[in-house]
């Protein structure tokens, strides 16, 4: 079932972020805008994890905090669980709301809001 989830997520992300660069990063598909990671997914043992690097700032139901920065995730065990309308909203917000992960090392581990894309 994870193949169907991955295919759906990939198609929707490509549709919503046609200008994004898609590459395998740390072994998982990730989409970048101007070098900044925006969204990606990977298979866990029991689910498919969809992650938005700036997702905690989206103020959207269905995403939960992940890690110590601004990332948020949704997990799916079946393709029927994917709310495509919510996914499209999250993708749209991922373009507008970004934290600067690309330069986090230069900022000595301090995450700053991106102002210009």
PDB file of N, CA and C in Angstrom:
ATOM      1  N   UNK A   1       0.815  -1.201   0.000  1.00  0.00           N
ATOM      2  CA  UNK A   1       0.000   0.000   0.000  1.00  0.00           C
ATOM      3  C   UNK A   1       0.858   1.265   0.000  1.00  0.00           C
ATOM      4  N   UNK A   2       2.081   1.190   0.494  1.00  0.00           N
ATOM      5  CA  UNK A   2       2.914   2.392   0.569  1.00  0.00           C
ATOM      6  C   UNK A   2       3.270   2.947  -0.812  1.00  0.00           C
ATOM      7  N   UNK A   3       3.300   2.079  -1.821  1.00  0.00           N
ATOM      8  CA  UNK A   3       3.585   2.545  -3.179  1.00  0.00           C
ATOM      9  C   UNK A   3       2.479   3.482  -3.656  1.00  0.00           C
ATOM     10  N   UNK A   4       1.235   3.126  -3.400  1.00  0.00           N
ATOM     11  CA  UNK A   4       0.112   3.967  -3.813  1.00  0.00           C
ATOM     12  C   UNK A   4       0.130   5.310  -3.081  1.00  0.00           C
ATOM     13  N   UNK A   5       0.475   5.292  -1.807  1.00  0.00           N
ATOM     14  CA  UNK A   5       0.565   6.537  -1.035  1.00  0.00           C
ATOM     15  C   UNK A   5       1.678   7.402  -1.614  1.00  0.00           C
ATOM     16  N   UNK A   6       2.839   6.817  -1.863  1.00  0.00           N
ATOM     17  CA  UNK A   6       3.971   7.564  -2.415  1.00  0.00           C
ATOM     18  C   UNK A   6       3.633   8.157  -3.775  1.00  0.00           C
ATOM     19  N   UNK A   7       2.966   7.389  -4.614  1.00  0.00           N
ATOM     20  CA  UNK A   7       2.594   7.897  -5.939  1.00  0.00           C
ATOM     21  C   UNK A   7       1.638   9.076  -5.834  1.00  0.00           C
ATOM     22  N   UNK A   8       0.662   8.991  -4.936  1.00  0.00           N
ATOM     23  CA  UNK A   8      -0.284  10.084  -4.741  1.00  0.00           C
ATOM     24  C   UNK A   8       0.421  11.323  -4.200  1.00  0.00           C
ATOM     25  N   UNK A   9       1.243  11.158  -3.168  1.00  0.00           N
ATOM     26  CA  UNK A   9       1.961  12.298  -2.595  1.00  0.00           C
ATOM     27  C   UNK A   9       2.860  12.953  -3.631  1.00  0.00           C
ATOM     28  N   UNK A  10       3.616  12.170  -4.357  1.00  0.00           N
ATOM     29  CA  UNK A  10       4.524  12.697  -5.374  1.00  0.00           C
ATOM     30  C   UNK A  10       3.772  13.477  -6.445  1.00  0.00           C
ATOM     31  N   UNK A  11       2.681  12.926  -6.934  1.00  0.00           N
ATOM     32  CA  UNK A  11       1.893  13.599  -7.975  1.00  0.00           C
ATOM     33  C   UNK A  11       1.326  14.920  -7.474  1.00  0.00           C
ATOM     34  N   UNK A  12       0.797  14.938  -6.259  1.00  0.00           N
ATOM     35  CA  UNK A  12       0.223  16.169  -5.712  1.00  0.00           C
ATOM     36  C   UNK A  12       1.288  17.221  -5.421  1.00  0.00           C
ATOM     37  N   UNK A  13       2.442  16.793  -4.924  1.00  0.00           N
ATOM     38  CA  UNK A  13       3.517  17.751  -4.664  1.00  0.00           C
ATOM     39  C   UNK A  13       4.026  18.328  -5.983  1.00  0.00           C
ATOM     40  N   UNK A  14       4.236  17.481  -6.995  1.00  0.00           N
ATOM     41  CA  UNK A  14       4.664  17.970  -8.309  1.00  0.00           C
ATOM     42  C   UNK A  14       3.649  18.945  -8.890  1.00  0.00           C
ATOM     43  N   UNK A  15       2.379  18.633  -8.724  1.00  0.00           N
ATOM     44  CA  UNK A  15       1.304  19.494  -9.237  1.00  0.00           C
ATOM     45  C   UNK A  15       1.286  20.842  -8.518  1.00  0.00           C
ATOM     46  N   UNK A  16       1.460  20.823  -7.203  1.00  0.00           N
ATOM     47  CA  UNK A  16       1.374  22.039  -6.414  1.00  0.00           C
ATOM     48  C   UNK A  16       2.641  22.872  -6.378  1.00  0.00           C
ATOM     49  N   UNK A  17       3.777  22.245  -6.633  1.00  0.00           N
ATOM     50  CA  UNK A  17       5.065  22.949  -6.614  1.00  0.00           C
ATOM     51  C   UNK A  17       5.859  22.644  -7.890  1.00  0.00           C
ATOM     52  N   UNK A  18       5.321  23.028  -9.047  1.00  0.00           N
ATOM     53  CA  UNK A  18       6.001  22.668 -10.299  1.00  0.00           C
ATOM     54  C   UNK A  18       7.394  23.286 -10.436  1.00  0.00           C
ATOM     55  N   UNK A  19       7.643  24.384  -9.737  1.00  0.00           N
ATOM     56  CA  UNK A  19       8.942  25.048  -9.823  1.00  0.00           C
ATOM     57  C   UNK A  19       9.978  24.450  -8.871  1.00  0.00           C
ATOM     58  N   UNK A  20       9.568  23.558  -8.001  1.00  0.00           N
ATOM     59  CA  UNK A  20      10.465  22.982  -7.001  1.00  0.00           C
ATOM     60  C   UNK A  20      11.405  21.959  -7.626  1.00  0.00           C
ATOM     61  N   UNK A  21      12.605  21.915  -7.093  1.00  0.00           N
ATOM     62  CA  UNK A  21      13.578  20.892  -7.475  1.00  0.00           C
ATOM     63  C   UNK A  21      13.316  19.667  -6.604  1.00  0.00           C
ATOM     64  N   UNK A  22      13.188  18.520  -7.236  1.00  0.00           N
ATOM     65  CA  UNK A  22      12.923  17.268  -6.522  1.00  0.00           C
ATOM     66  C   UNK A  22      14.170  16.410  -6.620  1.00  0.00           C
ATOM     67  N   UNK A  23      14.682  16.002  -5.470  1.00  0.00           N
ATOM     68  CA  UNK A  23      15.833  15.103  -5.487  1.00  0.00           C
ATOM     69  C   UNK A  23      15.799  14.206  -4.258  1.00  0.00           C
ATOM     70  N   UNK A  24      16.573  13.152  -4.317  1.00  0.00           N
ATOM     71  CA  UNK A  24      16.700  12.253  -3.176  1.00  0.00           C
ATOM     72  C   UNK A  24      17.701  12.891  -2.228  1.00  0.00           C
ATOM     73  N   UNK A  25      17.265  13.090  -1.001  1.00  0.00           N
ATOM     74  CA  UNK A  25      18.076  13.745   0.017  1.00  0.00           C
ATOM     75  C   UNK A  25      18.035  12.875   1.264  1.00  0.00           C
ATOM     76  N   UNK A  26      19.183  12.435   1.724  1.00  0.00           N
ATOM     77  CA  UNK A  26      19.268  11.514   2.857  1.00  0.00           C
ATOM     78  C   UNK A  26      18.409  10.263   2.610  1.00  0.00           C
ATOM     79  N   UNK A  27      18.356   9.836   1.346  1.00  0.00           N
ATOM     80  CA  UNK A  27      17.663   8.603   0.998  1.00  0.00           C
ATOM     81  C   UNK A  27      16.170   8.725   0.762  1.00  0.00           C
ATOM     82  N   UNK A  28      15.633   9.960   0.761  1.00  0.00           N
ATOM     83  CA  UNK A  28      14.197  10.153   0.620  1.00  0.00           C
ATOM     84  C   UNK A  28      13.903  11.255  -0.383  1.00  0.00           C
ATOM     85  N   UNK A  29      12.768  11.183  -1.091  1.00  0.00           N
ATOM     86  CA  UNK A  29      12.416  12.256  -2.018  1.00  0.00           C
ATOM     87  C   UNK A  29      12.043  13.532  -1.250  1.00  0.00           C
ATOM     88  N   UNK A  30      12.678  14.629  -1.631  1.00  0.00           N
ATOM     89  CA  UNK A  30      12.442  15.929  -1.005  1.00  0.00           C
ATOM     90  C   UNK A  30      12.360  16.975  -2.103  1.00  0.00           C
ATOM     91  N   UNK A  31      11.451  17.944  -1.935  1.00  0.00           N
ATOM     92  CA  UNK A  31      11.284  19.045  -2.865  1.00  0.00           C
ATOM     93  C   UNK A  31      11.869  20.305  -2.233  1.00  0.00           C
ATOM     94  N   UNK A  32      12.616  21.066  -3.038  1.00  0.00           N
ATOM     95  CA  UNK A  32      13.313  22.264  -2.584  1.00  0.00           C
ATOM     96  C   UNK A  32      12.877  23.472  -3.400  1.00  0.00           C
ATOM     97  N   UNK A  33      12.761  24.613  -2.737  1.00  0.00           N
ATOM     98  CA  UNK A  33      12.563  25.891  -3.416  1.00  0.00           C
ATOM     99  C   UNK A  33      13.784  26.752  -3.111  1.00  0.00           C
ATOM    100  N   UNK A  34      14.494  27.145  -4.150  1.00  0.00           N
ATOM    101  CA  UNK A  34      15.704  27.951  -3.993  1.00  0.00           C
ATOM    102  C   UNK A  34      16.660  27.356  -2.969  1.00  0.00           C
ATOM    103  N   UNK A  35      16.833  26.054  -2.997  1.00  0.00           N
ATOM    104  CA  UNK A  35      17.773  25.376  -2.117  1.00  0.00           C
ATOM    105  C   UNK A  35      17.251  25.059  -0.728  1.00  0.00           C
ATOM    106  N   UNK A  36      16.056  25.486  -0.407  1.00  0.00           N
ATOM    107  CA  UNK A  36      15.478  25.281   0.913  1.00  0.00           C
ATOM    108  C   UNK A  36      14.548  24.067   0.880  1.00  0.00           C
ATOM    109  N   UNK A  37      14.721  23.082   1.781  1.00  0.00           N
ATOM    110  CA  UNK A  37      13.815  21.929   1.777  1.00  0.00           C
ATOM    111  C   UNK A  37      12.407  22.344   2.188  1.00  0.00           C
ATOM    112  N   UNK A  38      11.424  21.883   1.434  1.00  0.00           N
ATOM    113  CA  UNK A  38      10.036  22.286   1.648  1.00  0.00           C
ATOM    114  C   UNK A  38       9.185  21.120   2.129  1.00  0.00           C
ATOM    115  N   UNK A  39       9.195  20.035   1.378  1.00  0.00           N
ATOM    116  CA  UNK A  39       8.330  18.892   1.683  1.00  0.00           C
ATOM    117  C   UNK A  39       9.011  17.616   1.209  1.00  0.00           C
ATOM    118  N   UNK A  40       8.745  16.539   1.907  1.00  0.00           N
ATOM    119  CA  UNK A  40       9.265  15.245   1.508  1.00  0.00           C
ATOM    120  C   UNK A  40       8.478  14.142   2.198  1.00  0.00           C
ATOM    121  N   UNK A  41       8.760  12.938   1.822  1.00  0.00           N
ATOM    122  CA  UNK A  41       8.090  11.801   2.469  1.00  0.00           C
ATOM    123  C   UNK A  41       9.055  10.632   2.523  1.00  0.00           C
ATOM    124  N   UNK A  42       8.793   9.739   3.444  1.00  0.00           N
ATOM    125  CA  UNK A  42       9.553   8.498   3.493  1.00  0.00           C
ATOM    126  C   UNK A  42       8.764   7.425   4.228  1.00  0.00           C
ATOM    127  N   UNK A  43       9.129   6.220   3.893  1.00  0.00           N
ATOM    128  CA  UNK A  43       8.441   5.057   4.444  1.00  0.00           C
ATOM    129  C   UNK A  43       9.011   4.718   5.810  1.00  0.00           C
ATOM    130  N   UNK A  44       8.138   4.589   6.757  1.00  0.00           N
ATOM    131  CA  UNK A  44       8.489   4.090   8.076  1.00  0.00           C
ATOM    132  C   UNK A  44       8.088   2.623   8.141  1.00  0.00           C
ATOM    133  N   UNK A  45       8.385   1.967   9.220  1.00  0.00           N
ATOM    134  CA  UNK A  45       8.036   0.557   9.357  1.00  0.00           C
ATOM    135  C   UNK A  45       6.530   0.327   9.230  1.00  0.00           C
ATOM    136  N   UNK A  46       5.734   1.229   9.822  1.00  0.00           N
ATOM    137  CA  UNK A  46       4.291   1.017   9.869  1.00  0.00           C
ATOM    138  C   UNK A  46       3.465   2.090   9.153  1.00  0.00           C
ATOM    139  N   UNK A  47       4.118   3.042   8.485  1.00  0.00           N
ATOM    140  CA  UNK A  47       3.364   4.133   7.849  1.00  0.00           C
ATOM    141  C   UNK A  47       4.243   4.867   6.840  1.00  0.00           C
ATOM    142  N   UNK A  48       3.613   5.759   6.096  1.00  0.00           N
ATOM    143  CA  UNK A  48       4.319   6.686   5.222  1.00  0.00           C
ATOM    144  C   UNK A  48       4.262   8.044   5.908  1.00  0.00           C
ATOM    145  N   UNK A  49       5.415   8.666   6.100  1.00  0.00           N
ATOM    146  CA  UNK A  49       5.481   9.969   6.755  1.00  0.00           C
ATOM    147  C   UNK A  49       5.645  11.058   5.696  1.00  0.00           C
ATOM    148  N   UNK A  50       4.737  12.018   5.724  1.00  0.00           N
ATOM    149  CA  UNK A  50       4.812  13.218   4.897  1.00  0.00           C
ATOM    150  C   UNK A  50       5.291  14.330   5.812  1.00  0.00           C
ATOM    151  N   UNK A  51       6.349  15.048   5.422  1.00  0.00           N
ATOM    152  CA  UNK A  51       6.880  16.087   6.295  1.00  0.00           C
ATOM    153  C   UNK A  51       7.029  17.410   5.551  1.00  0.00           C
ATOM    154  N   UNK A  52       6.546  18.455   6.202  1.00  0.00           N
ATOM    155  CA  UNK A  52       6.739  19.822   5.738  1.00  0.00           C
ATOM    156  C   UNK A  52       7.715  20.477   6.699  1.00  0.00           C
ATOM    157  N   UNK A  53       8.834  20.963   6.189  1.00  0.00           N
ATOM    158  CA  UNK A  53       9.870  21.522   7.045  1.00  0.00           C
ATOM    159  C   UNK A  53       9.387  22.744   7.831  1.00  0.00           C
ATOM    160  N   UNK A  54       8.433  23.486   7.307  1.00  0.00           N
ATOM    161  CA  UNK A  54       7.911  24.679   7.999  1.00  0.00           C
ATOM    162  C   UNK A  54       6.469  24.488   8.444  1.00  0.00           C
ATOM    163  N   UNK A  55       6.022  23.270   8.507  1.00  0.00           N
ATOM    164  CA  UNK A  55       4.617  22.936   8.729  1.00  0.00           C
ATOM    165  C   UNK A  55       4.008  23.390  10.040  1.00  0.00           C
ATOM    166  N   UNK A  56       4.803  23.578  11.098  1.00  0.00           N
ATOM    167  CA  UNK A  56       4.225  24.038  12.362  1.00  0.00           C
ATOM    168  C   UNK A  56       3.663  25.449  12.234  1.00  0.00           C
ATOM    169  N   UNK A  57       4.123  26.200  11.251  1.00  0.00           N
ATOM    170  CA  UNK A  57       3.656  27.570  11.046  1.00  0.00           C
ATOM    171  C   UNK A  57       2.435  27.658  10.142  1.00  0.00           C
ATOM    172  N   UNK A  58       1.952  26.543   9.630  1.00  0.00           N
ATOM    173  CA  UNK A  58       0.817  26.561   8.700  1.00  0.00           C
ATOM    174  C   UNK A  58      -0.513  26.801   9.402  1.00  0.00           C
ATOM    175  N   UNK A  59      -0.591  26.525  10.690  1.00  0.00           N
ATOM    176  CA  UNK A  59      -1.847  26.641  11.437  1.00  0.00           C
ATOM    177  C   UNK A  59      -2.949  25.827  10.757  1.00  0.00           C
ATOM    178  N   UNK A  60      -2.653  24.566  10.547  1.00  0.00           N
ATOM    179  CA  UNK A  60      -3.553  23.657   9.834  1.00  0.00           C
ATOM    180  C   UNK A  60      -3.793  22.396  10.657  1.00  0.00           C
ATOM    181  N   UNK A  61      -5.039  21.933  10.716  1.00  0.00           N
ATOM    182  CA  UNK A  61      -5.293  20.642  11.357  1.00  0.00           C
ATOM    183  C   UNK A  61      -4.736  19.507  10.501  1.00  0.00           C
ATOM    184  N   UNK A  62      -4.422  18.414  11.145  1.00  0.00           N
ATOM    185  CA  UNK A  62      -3.937  17.238  10.428  1.00  0.00           C
ATOM    186  C   UNK A  62      -2.431  17.111  10.403  1.00  0.00           C
ATOM    187  N   UNK A  63      -1.719  18.166  10.782  1.00  0.00           N
ATOM    188  CA  UNK A  63      -0.260  18.120  10.867  1.00  0.00           C
ATOM    189  C   UNK A  63       0.127  18.173  12.336  1.00  0.00           C
ATOM    190  N   UNK A  64       1.127  17.377  12.704  1.00  0.00           N
ATOM    191  CA  UNK A  64       1.585  17.436  14.089  1.00  0.00           C
ATOM    192  C   UNK A  64       3.084  17.750  14.113  1.00  0.00           C
ATOM    193  N   UNK A  65       3.506  18.420  15.166  1.00  0.00           N
ATOM    194  CA  UNK A  65       4.896  18.843  15.314  1.00  0.00           C
ATOM    195  C   UNK A  65       5.837  17.651  15.230  1.00  0.00           C
ATOM    196  N   UNK A  66       6.975  17.894  14.608  1.00  0.00           N
ATOM    197  CA  UNK A  66       8.006  16.865  14.466  1.00  0.00           C
ATOM    198  C   UNK A  66       9.361  17.524  14.727  1.00  0.00           C
ATOM    199  N   UNK A  67      10.078  17.034  15.697  1.00  0.00           N
ATOM    200  CA  UNK A  67      11.415  17.545  15.973  1.00  0.00           C
ATOM    201  C   UNK A  67      11.405  18.841  16.762  1.00  0.00           C
ATOM    202  N   UNK A  68      12.574  19.468  16.838  1.00  0.00           N
ATOM    203  CA  UNK A  68      12.730  20.656  17.680  1.00  0.00           C
ATOM    204  C   UNK A  68      12.705  21.966  16.893  1.00  0.00           C
ATOM    205  N   UNK A  69      12.511  21.929  15.589  1.00  0.00           N
ATOM    206  CA  UNK A  69      12.454  23.152  14.799  1.00  0.00           C
ATOM    207  C   UNK A  69      11.000  23.424  14.395  1.00  0.00           C
ATOM    208  N   UNK A  70      10.724  23.679  13.137  1.00  0.00           N
ATOM    209  CA  UNK A  70       9.375  24.051  12.696  1.00  0.00           C
ATOM    210  C   UNK A  70       8.691  22.983  11.846  1.00  0.00           C
ATOM    211  N   UNK A  71       9.263  21.802  11.764  1.00  0.00           N
ATOM    212  CA  UNK A  71       8.699  20.751  10.919  1.00  0.00           C
ATOM    213  C   UNK A  71       7.408  20.188  11.509  1.00  0.00           C
ATOM    214  N   UNK A  72       6.546  19.733  10.607  1.00  0.00           N
ATOM    215  CA  UNK A  72       5.301  19.065  10.989  1.00  0.00           C
ATOM    216  C   UNK A  72       5.074  17.913  10.019  1.00  0.00           C
ATOM    217  N   UNK A  73       4.367  16.900  10.492  1.00  0.00           N
ATOM    218  CA  UNK A  73       4.178  15.695   9.692  1.00  0.00           C
ATOM    219  C   UNK A  73       2.746  15.205   9.728  1.00  0.00           C
ATOM    220  N   UNK A  74       2.451  14.354   8.757  1.00  0.00           N
ATOM    221  CA  UNK A  74       1.230  13.549   8.742  1.00  0.00           C
ATOM    222  C   UNK A  74       1.684  12.136   8.400  1.00  0.00           C
ATOM    223  N   UNK A  75       1.005  11.147   8.954  1.00  0.00           N
ATOM    224  CA  UNK A  75       1.346   9.755   8.667  1.00  0.00           C
ATOM    225  C   UNK A  75       0.136   9.037   8.093  1.00  0.00           C
ATOM    226  N   UNK A  76       0.435   8.152   7.139  1.00  0.00           N
ATOM    227  CA  UNK A  76      -0.619   7.414   6.457  1.00  0.00           C
ATOM    228  C   UNK A  76      -0.271   5.933   6.407  1.00  0.00           C
ATOM    229  N   UNK A  77      -1.280   5.094   6.638  1.00  0.00           N
ATOM    230  CA  UNK A  77      -1.098   3.656   6.482  1.00  0.00           C
ATOM    231  C   UNK A  77      -1.860   3.119   5.280  1.00  0.00           C
ATOM    232  N   UNK A  78      -2.748   3.946   4.719  1.00  0.00           N
ATOM    233  CA  UNK A  78      -3.534   3.556   3.546  1.00  0.00           C
ATOM    234  C   UNK A  78      -3.790   4.799   2.702  1.00  0.00           C
ATOM    235  N   UNK A  79      -3.800   4.640   1.408  1.00  0.00           N
ATOM    236  CA  UNK A  79      -3.993   5.775   0.497  1.00  0.00           C
ATOM    237  C   UNK A  79      -5.334   6.471   0.752  1.00  0.00           C
ATOM    238  N   UNK A  80      -6.320   5.744   1.232  1.00  0.00           N
ATOM    239  CA  UNK A  80      -7.635   6.330   1.513  1.00  0.00           C
ATOM    240  C   UNK A  80      -7.585   7.339   2.662  1.00  0.00           C
ATOM    241  N   UNK A  81      -6.532   7.322   3.464  1.00  0.00           N
ATOM    242  CA  UNK A  81      -6.396   8.255   4.577  1.00  0.00           C
ATOM    243  C   UNK A  81      -5.916   9.637   4.140  1.00  0.00           C
ATOM    244  N   UNK A  82      -5.390   9.752   2.933  1.00  0.00           N
ATOM    245  CA  UNK A  82      -4.851  11.018   2.451  1.00  0.00           C
ATOM    246  C   UNK A  82      -5.999  11.950   2.086  1.00  0.00           C
ATOM    247  N   UNK A  83      -6.112  13.056   2.793  1.00  0.00           N
ATOM    248  CA  UNK A  83      -7.102  14.100   2.494  1.00  0.00           C
ATOM    249  C   UNK A  83      -6.471  15.014   1.447  1.00  0.00           C
ATOM    250  N   UNK A  84      -6.818  14.808   0.191  1.00  0.00           N
ATOM    251  CA  UNK A  84      -6.173  15.511  -0.910  1.00  0.00           C
ATOM    252  C   UNK A  84      -6.390  17.025  -0.820  1.00  0.00           C
ATOM    253  N   UNK A  85      -7.558  17.450  -0.393  1.00  0.00           N
ATOM    254  CA  UNK A  85      -7.808  18.892  -0.262  1.00  0.00           C
ATOM    255  C   UNK A  85      -6.902  19.514   0.796  1.00  0.00           C
ATOM    256  N   UNK A  86      -6.751  18.836   1.934  1.00  0.00           N
ATOM    257  CA  UNK A  86      -5.844  19.326   2.979  1.00  0.00           C
ATOM    258  C   UNK A  86      -4.409  19.319   2.464  1.00  0.00           C
ATOM    259  N   UNK A  87      -4.026  18.260   1.774  1.00  0.00           N
ATOM    260  CA  UNK A  87      -2.686  18.169   1.210  1.00  0.00           C
ATOM    261  C   UNK A  87      -2.409  19.342   0.279  1.00  0.00           C
ATOM    262  N   UNK A  88      -3.364  19.673  -0.561  1.00  0.00           N
ATOM    263  CA  UNK A  88      -3.186  20.805  -1.483  1.00  0.00           C
ATOM    264  C   UNK A  88      -3.039  22.129  -0.731  1.00  0.00           C
ATOM    265  N   UNK A  89      -3.790  22.305   0.342  1.00  0.00           N
ATOM    266  CA  UNK A  89      -3.648  23.530   1.160  1.00  0.00           C
ATOM    267  C   UNK A  89      -2.255  23.597   1.786  1.00  0.00           C
ATOM    268  N   UNK A  90      -1.803  22.468   2.326  1.00  0.00           N
ATOM    269  CA  UNK A  90      -0.482  22.433   2.950  1.00  0.00           C
ATOM    270  C   UNK A  90       0.613  22.742   1.935  1.00  0.00           C
ATOM    271  N   UNK A  91       0.486  22.188   0.746  1.00  0.00           N
ATOM    272  CA  UNK A  91       1.481  22.440  -0.305  1.00  0.00           C
ATOM    273  C   UNK A  91       1.495  23.919  -0.671  1.00  0.00           C
ATOM    274  N   UNK A  92       0.322  24.526  -0.815  1.00  0.00           N
ATOM    275  CA  UNK A  92       0.250  25.956  -1.130  1.00  0.00           C
ATOM    276  C   UNK A  92       0.910  26.786  -0.026  1.00  0.00           C
ATOM    277  N   UNK A  93       0.640  26.432   1.223  1.00  0.00           N
ATOM    278  CA  UNK A  93       1.238  27.169   2.338  1.00  0.00           C
ATOM    279  C   UNK A  93       2.747  26.960   2.409  1.00  0.00           C
ATOM    280  N   UNK A  94       3.223  25.812   1.955  1.00  0.00           N
ATOM    281  CA  UNK A  94       4.661  25.534   2.018  1.00  0.00           C
ATOM    282  C   UNK A  94       5.460  26.475   1.125  1.00  0.00           C
ATOM    283  N   UNK A  95       4.847  27.008   0.101  1.00  0.00           N
ATOM    284  CA  UNK A  95       5.505  27.974  -0.768  1.00  0.00           C
ATOM    285  C   UNK A  95       5.583  29.336  -0.081  1.00  0.00           C
ATOM    286  N   UNK A  96       4.522  29.700   0.633  1.00  0.00           N
ATOM    287  CA  UNK A  96       4.413  31.025   1.245  1.00  0.00           C
ATOM    288  C   UNK A  96       5.099  31.133   2.599  1.00  0.00           C
ATOM    289  N   UNK A  97       5.081  30.065   3.377  1.00  0.00           N
ATOM    290  CA  UNK A  97       5.605  30.086   4.746  1.00  0.00           C
ATOM    291  C   UNK A  97       6.829  29.185   4.798  1.00  0.00           C
ATOM    292  N   UNK A  98       7.988  29.810   4.950  1.00  0.00           N
ATOM    293  CA  UNK A  98       9.222  29.029   4.974  1.00  0.00           C
ATOM    294  C   UNK A  98      10.158  29.514   6.062  1.00  0.00           C
ATOM    295  N   UNK A  99      10.738  28.551   6.746  1.00  0.00           N
ATOM    296  CA  UNK A  99      11.848  28.808   7.649  1.00  0.00           C
ATOM    297  C   UNK A  99      13.111  28.436   6.887  1.00  0.00           C
ATOM    298  N   UNK A 100      14.197  29.135   7.155  1.00  0.00           N
ATOM    299  CA  UNK A 100      15.429  29.016   6.377  1.00  0.00           C
ATOM    300  C   UNK A 100      16.313  27.869   6.865  1.00  0.00           C
ATOM    301  N   UNK A 101      16.006  26.680   6.398  1.00  0.00           N
ATOM    302  CA  UNK A 101      16.816  25.515   6.738  1.00  0.00           C
ATOM    303  C   UNK A 101      18.105  25.486   5.928  1.00  0.00           C
ATOM    304  N   UNK A 102      18.102  26.107   4.771  1.00  0.00           N
ATOM    305  CA  UNK A 102      19.276  26.095   3.905  1.00  0.00           C
ATOM    306  C   UNK A 102      20.487  26.729   4.599  1.00  0.00           C
ATOM    307  N   UNK A 103      20.270  27.756   5.397  1.00  0.00           N
ATOM    308  CA  UNK A 103      21.374  28.492   6.025  1.00  0.00           C
ATOM    309  C   UNK A 103      21.452  28.290   7.539  1.00  0.00           C
ATOM    310  N   UNK A 104      20.894  27.228   8.033  1.00  0.00           N
ATOM    311  CA  UNK A 104      20.856  27.008   9.489  1.00  0.00           C
ATOM    312  C   UNK A 104      22.267  26.844  10.078  1.00  0.00           C
ATOM    313  N   UNK A 105      23.180  26.271   9.330  1.00  0.00           N
ATOM    314  CA  UNK A 105      24.556  26.126   9.840  1.00  0.00           C
ATOM    315  C   UNK A 105      25.231  27.478   9.980  1.00  0.00           C
ATOM    316  N   UNK A 106      25.064  28.342   8.974  1.00  0.00           N
ATOM    317  CA  UNK A 106      25.667  29.668   9.042  1.00  0.00           C
ATOM    318  C   UNK A 106      25.059  30.489  10.187  1.00  0.00           C
ATOM    319  N   UNK A 107      23.805  30.198  10.529  1.00  0.00           N
ATOM    320  CA  UNK A 107      23.123  30.902  11.623  1.00  0.00           C
ATOM    321  C   UNK A 107      23.372  30.213  12.965  1.00  0.00           C
ATOM    322  N   UNK A 108      24.342  29.312  12.997  1.00  0.00           N
ATOM    323  CA  UNK A 108      24.741  28.604  14.217  1.00  0.00           C
ATOM    324  C   UNK A 108      23.589  27.862  14.886  1.00  0.00           C
ATOM    325  N   UNK A 109      22.788  27.196  14.060  1.00  0.00           N
ATOM    326  CA  UNK A 109      21.709  26.373  14.572  1.00  0.00           C
ATOM    327  C   UNK A 109      20.437  27.108  14.924  1.00  0.00           C
ATOM    328  N   UNK A 110      20.419  28.413  14.637  1.00  0.00           N
ATOM    329  CA  UNK A 110      19.222  29.210  14.916  1.00  0.00           C
ATOM    330  C   UNK A 110      18.397  29.282  13.642  1.00  0.00           C
ATOM    331  N   UNK A 111      17.176  28.836  13.724  1.00  0.00           N
ATOM    332  CA  UNK A 111      16.277  28.837  12.575  1.00  0.00           C
ATOM    333  C   UNK A 111      15.606  30.199  12.447  1.00  0.00           C
ATOM    334  N   UNK A 112      15.695  30.786  11.248  1.00  0.00           N
ATOM    335  CA  UNK A 112      15.111  32.100  11.008  1.00  0.00           C
ATOM    336  C   UNK A 112      14.067  32.006   9.905  1.00  0.00           C
ATOM    337  N   UNK A 113      13.084  32.868   9.990  1.00  0.00           N
ATOM    338  CA  UNK A 113      12.030  32.916   8.974  1.00  0.00           C
ATOM    339  C   UNK A 113      12.647  33.447   7.683  1.00  0.00           C
ATOM    340  N   UNK A 114      12.283  32.827   6.575  1.00  0.00           N
ATOM    341  CA  UNK A 114      12.755  33.283   5.256  1.00  0.00           C
ATOM    342  C   UNK A 114      11.874  34.421   4.800  1.00  0.00           C
ATOM    343  N   UNK A 115      12.491  35.477   4.311  1.00  0.00           N
ATOM    344  CA  UNK A 115      11.722  36.641   3.889  1.00  0.00           C
ATOM    345  C   UNK A 115      11.682  36.820   2.384  1.00  0.00           C
ATOM    346  N   UNK A 116      12.680  36.367   1.681  1.00  0.00           N
ATOM    347  CA  UNK A 116      12.695  36.538   0.221  1.00  0.00           C
ATOM    348  C   UNK A 116      12.970  35.186  -0.432  1.00  0.00           C
ATOM    349  N   UNK A 117      12.195  34.873  -1.454  1.00  0.00           N
ATOM    350  CA  UNK A 117      12.366  33.588  -2.138  1.00  0.00           C
ATOM    351  C   UNK A 117      12.852  33.842  -3.530  1.00  0.00           C
TER     352      UNK A 117
END
